[in-house]
Amino acid sequence: MAELVYLLCALTSAACAGLLVRSYRASRSRILLWSSLCFAGLGCTNVLLFVDLVMLPSQVDLAVLRASITLVSMLILVFGLVWDSR
């Protein structure tokens, strides 16, 4: 059951990123660009979570890589919020 939740979270993040990119192309609002990059990173994190816990359960620990991608994704969003608030 947990495997299904990991995949659904990855699909949801990817769908959000795709919808944000589509909206960005239509309106050229830069906050949509930053948000889509953040959600794309979060989608990658969810895919790595699935790979780490389901496909490679005891062989490799991808926790540091997952946390790094999540941190970079959040920093991109914060940078975009600060940059566009001026």
C-alpha atoms as a PDB file:
ATOM      1  CA  MET A   1       0.000   0.000   0.000  1.00  0.00           C
ATOM      2  CA  ALA A   2       2.847   2.398   0.802  1.00  0.00           C
ATOM      3  CA  GLU A   3       4.297   1.799  -2.657  1.00  0.00           C
ATOM      4  CA  LEU A   4       1.078   3.034  -4.236  1.00  0.00           C
ATOM      5  CA  VAL A   5       1.144   6.176  -2.093  1.00  0.00           C
ATOM      6  CA  TYR A   6       4.758   6.903  -3.149  1.00  0.00           C
ATOM      7  CA  LEU A   7       3.819   6.581  -6.804  1.00  0.00           C
ATOM      8  CA  LEU A   8       0.670   8.680  -6.434  1.00  0.00           C
ATOM      9  CA  CYS A   9       2.675  11.429  -4.739  1.00  0.00           C
ATOM     10  CA  ALA A  10       5.204  11.374  -7.575  1.00  0.00           C
ATOM     11  CA  LEU A  11       2.445  11.527 -10.182  1.00  0.00           C
ATOM     12  CA  THR A  12       0.689  14.360  -8.356  1.00  0.00           C
ATOM     13  CA  SER A  13       3.877  16.412  -8.117  1.00  0.00           C
ATOM     14  CA  ALA A  14       4.629  15.808 -11.783  1.00  0.00           C
ATOM     15  CA  ALA A  15       1.081  16.778 -12.759  1.00  0.00           C
ATOM     16  CA  CYS A  16       1.306  19.970 -10.703  1.00  0.00           C
ATOM     17  CA  ALA A  17       4.638  20.823 -12.329  1.00  0.00           C
ATOM     18  CA  GLY A  18       3.158  20.218 -15.770  1.00  0.00           C
ATOM     19  CA  LEU A  19       0.115  22.370 -15.086  1.00  0.00           C
ATOM     20  CA  LEU A  20       2.295  25.142 -13.689  1.00  0.00           C
ATOM     21  CA  VAL A  21       4.529  25.052 -16.776  1.00  0.00           C
ATOM     22  CA  ARG A  22       1.471  25.238 -19.009  1.00  0.00           C
ATOM     23  CA  SER A  23       0.170  28.232 -17.066  1.00  0.00           C
ATOM     24  CA  TYR A  24       3.593  29.868 -17.184  1.00  0.00           C
ATOM     25  CA  ARG A  25       3.702  29.525 -20.969  1.00  0.00           C
ATOM     26  CA  ALA A  26       0.297  31.181 -21.233  1.00  0.00           C
ATOM     27  CA  SER A  27       0.859  34.083 -18.829  1.00  0.00           C
ATOM     28  CA  ARG A  28       4.659  34.409 -18.468  1.00  0.00           C
ATOM     29  CA  SER A  29       4.267  35.020 -14.733  1.00  0.00           C
ATOM     30  CA  ARG A  30       7.650  34.197 -13.264  1.00  0.00           C
ATOM     31  CA  ILE A  31       6.246  32.893  -9.976  1.00  0.00           C
ATOM     32  CA  LEU A  32       4.676  30.072 -11.976  1.00  0.00           C
ATOM     33  CA  LEU A  33       8.122  29.224 -13.349  1.00  0.00           C
ATOM     34  CA  TRP A  34       9.665  29.048  -9.882  1.00  0.00           C
ATOM     35  CA  SER A  35       6.750  26.990  -8.600  1.00  0.00           C
ATOM     36  CA  SER A  36       6.961  24.555 -11.503  1.00  0.00           C
ATOM     37  CA  LEU A  37      10.680  24.050 -10.912  1.00  0.00           C
ATOM     38  CA  CYS A  38       9.984  23.395  -7.237  1.00  0.00           C
ATOM     39  CA  PHE A  39       7.279  20.847  -7.987  1.00  0.00           C
ATOM     40  CA  ALA A  40       9.479  19.143 -10.586  1.00  0.00           C
ATOM     41  CA  GLY A  41      12.148  18.729  -7.912  1.00  0.00           C
ATOM     42  CA  LEU A  42       9.607  17.403  -5.442  1.00  0.00           C
ATOM     43  CA  GLY A  43       8.421  14.932  -8.068  1.00  0.00           C
ATOM     44  CA  CYS A  44      12.011  13.743  -8.504  1.00  0.00           C
ATOM     45  CA  THR A  45      12.259  13.375  -4.744  1.00  0.00           C
ATOM     46  CA  ASN A  46       9.149  11.212  -4.676  1.00  0.00           C
ATOM     47  CA  VAL A  47      10.470   9.017  -7.477  1.00  0.00           C
ATOM     48  CA  LEU A  48      13.736   8.609  -5.567  1.00  0.00           C
ATOM     49  CA  LEU A  49      11.740   7.730  -2.451  1.00  0.00           C
ATOM     50  CA  PHE A  50      10.035   4.939  -4.369  1.00  0.00           C
ATOM     51  CA  VAL A  51      13.363   3.707  -5.742  1.00  0.00           C
ATOM     52  CA  ASP A  52      15.023   3.939  -2.323  1.00  0.00           C
ATOM     53  CA  LEU A  53      12.363   2.169  -0.277  1.00  0.00           C
ATOM     54  CA  VAL A  54      10.792  -0.221  -2.787  1.00  0.00           C
ATOM     55  CA  MET A  55      13.274  -1.102  -5.505  1.00  0.00           C
ATOM     56  CA  LEU A  56      16.519  -0.919  -3.495  1.00  0.00           C
ATOM     57  CA  PRO A  57      15.357  -1.454   0.101  1.00  0.00           C
ATOM     58  CA  SER A  58      18.625  -2.486   1.726  1.00  0.00           C
ATOM     59  CA  GLN A  59      21.254  -2.015  -0.958  1.00  0.00           C
ATOM     60  CA  VAL A  60      21.613   1.749  -1.167  1.00  0.00           C
ATOM     61  CA  ASP A  61      20.513   4.625   1.057  1.00  0.00           C
ATOM     62  CA  LEU A  62      19.352   7.583  -1.016  1.00  0.00           C
ATOM     63  CA  ALA A  63      18.173   9.678   1.935  1.00  0.00           C
ATOM     64  CA  VAL A  64      20.906  12.295   1.567  1.00  0.00           C
ATOM     65  CA  LEU A  65      20.247  12.675  -2.156  1.00  0.00           C
ATOM     66  CA  ARG A  66      16.499  12.956  -1.563  1.00  0.00           C
ATOM     67  CA  ALA A  67      16.986  15.573   1.145  1.00  0.00           C
ATOM     68  CA  SER A  68      19.391  17.527  -1.065  1.00  0.00           C
ATOM     69  CA  ILE A  69      16.963  17.635  -3.984  1.00  0.00           C
ATOM     70  CA  THR A  70      14.155  18.694  -1.656  1.00  0.00           C
ATOM     71  CA  LEU A  71      16.332  21.451  -0.192  1.00  0.00           C
ATOM     72  CA  VAL A  72      17.303  22.751  -3.626  1.00  0.00           C
ATOM     73  CA  SER A  73      13.656  22.672  -4.734  1.00  0.00           C
ATOM     74  CA  MET A  74      12.533  24.676  -1.719  1.00  0.00           C
ATOM     75  CA  LEU A  75      15.400  27.134  -2.143  1.00  0.00           C
ATOM     76  CA  ILE A  76      14.385  27.693  -5.757  1.00  0.00           C
ATOM     77  CA  LEU A  77      10.859  28.537  -4.640  1.00  0.00           C
ATOM     78  CA  VAL A  78      12.060  30.845  -1.850  1.00  0.00           C
ATOM     79  CA  PHE A  79      14.474  32.551  -4.245  1.00  0.00           C
ATOM     80  CA  GLY A  80      11.640  33.073  -6.720  1.00  0.00           C
ATOM     81  CA  LEU A  81       9.354  34.491  -4.058  1.00  0.00           C
ATOM     82  CA  VAL A  82      12.004  36.901  -2.818  1.00  0.00           C
ATOM     83  CA  TRP A  83      13.211  37.863  -6.299  1.00  0.00           C
ATOM     84  CA  ASP A  84       9.721  38.591  -7.629  1.00  0.00           C
ATOM     85  CA  SER A  85       8.591  40.506  -4.549  1.00  0.00           C
ATOM     86  CA  ARG A  86      10.764  43.504  -5.484  1.00  0.00           C
END
